[in-house]
Amino acid sequence: MKCKVHWIIDGIVELETESLEEAEKLISVHLNEFVSRQPDLTEKLGARAIQGKAFLPGSEDQEGLQISVVDHGDDSD
């Protein structure tokens, strides 16, 4: 059976910078350097994009959290 898997790696880092833009740039540079040293991410796992958005700590921390549950099925149902 041929199927596709859409995968996401999610993370939050807290750092001190002068601006949100600086924080985004620092993380972008670090992640792009990492990905360039990991050809399996693009060649075998099909990675196409890195996306991020800086925000100020506070209520967004809790509001932005999402929990996903994957049901693989259970024969005992």
Protein backbone atom coordinates (compact mmCIF):
# COMPACT_ATOMS: atom_id res chain seq x y z
CA MET A 1 0.00 0.00 0.00
CA LYS A 2 1.33 3.41 -0.92
CA CYS A 3 0.62 6.11 1.64
CA LYS A 4 1.95 9.48 2.70
CA VAL A 5 2.88 10.66 6.20
CA HIS A 6 2.71 14.37 7.05
CA TRP A 7 5.01 14.83 10.03
CA ILE A 8 5.79 17.82 12.19
CA ILE A 9 8.61 18.44 14.64
CA ASP A 10 7.49 21.01 17.19
CA GLY A 11 9.52 22.86 19.78
CA ILE A 12 9.78 26.03 21.81
CA VAL A 13 13.03 27.66 22.89
CA GLU A 14 13.30 30.58 25.29
CA LEU A 15 16.15 33.03 24.77
CA GLU A 16 17.16 36.62 25.48
CA THR A 17 17.29 38.93 22.45
CA GLU A 18 16.69 42.59 21.68
CA SER A 19 13.66 41.86 19.48
CA LEU A 20 11.34 39.13 18.24
CA GLU A 21 12.89 39.44 14.79
CA GLU A 22 16.36 38.79 16.22
CA ALA A 23 15.06 35.70 18.02
CA GLU A 24 13.52 34.37 14.81
CA LYS A 25 16.72 35.02 12.86
CA LEU A 26 18.94 33.28 15.44
CA ILE A 27 16.78 30.18 15.49
CA SER A 28 16.39 30.18 11.70
CA VAL A 29 20.15 30.26 11.19
CA HIS A 30 20.69 27.45 13.71
CA LEU A 31 17.96 25.23 12.22
CA ASN A 32 19.05 25.83 8.62
CA GLU A 33 22.64 24.91 9.51
CA PHE A 34 21.40 21.76 11.24
CA VAL A 35 19.18 20.71 8.33
CA SER A 36 21.97 21.28 5.82
CA ARG A 37 24.11 18.76 7.76
CA GLN A 38 21.29 16.19 7.80
CA PRO A 39 20.57 15.17 4.20
CA ASP A 40 18.24 12.38 5.37
CA LEU A 41 15.75 15.02 6.50
CA THR A 42 15.18 16.12 2.92
CA GLU A 43 16.19 13.06 0.91
CA LYS A 44 14.56 10.27 2.94
CA LEU A 45 12.02 12.08 5.12
CA GLY A 46 10.89 14.65 2.58
CA ALA A 47 11.39 17.76 4.71
CA ARG A 48 10.37 20.81 2.68
CA ALA A 49 10.10 23.72 5.08
CA ILE A 50 10.96 25.09 8.49
CA GLN A 51 8.50 27.49 10.03
CA GLY A 52 8.55 29.48 13.24
CA LYS A 53 7.18 32.57 14.90
CA ALA A 54 8.60 34.45 17.87
CA PHE A 55 6.26 35.60 20.63
CA LEU A 56 6.51 37.06 24.10
CA PRO A 57 6.12 34.55 26.96
CA GLY A 58 2.71 34.65 28.58
CA SER A 59 -0.77 33.45 27.81
CA GLU A 60 0.23 32.36 24.29
CA ASP A 61 2.27 29.56 25.86
CA GLN A 62 -0.87 27.79 27.05
CA GLU A 63 -3.27 28.86 24.30
CA GLY A 64 -0.95 27.60 21.57
CA LEU A 65 -0.58 24.09 22.94
CA GLN A 66 -2.27 21.33 21.01
CA ILE A 67 -2.47 17.68 21.92
CA SER A 68 -2.84 15.12 19.18
CA VAL A 69 -3.93 11.55 19.75
CA VAL A 70 -3.25 8.91 17.13
CA ASP A 71 -5.60 5.94 17.23
CA HIS A 72 -3.88 2.89 15.79
CA GLY A 73 -6.96 0.79 16.47
CA ASP A 74 -7.32 -1.97 18.99
CA ASP A 75 -8.60 -5.42 18.10
CA SER A 76 -10.11 -5.80 21.59
CA ASP A 77 -12.80 -3.16 20.91
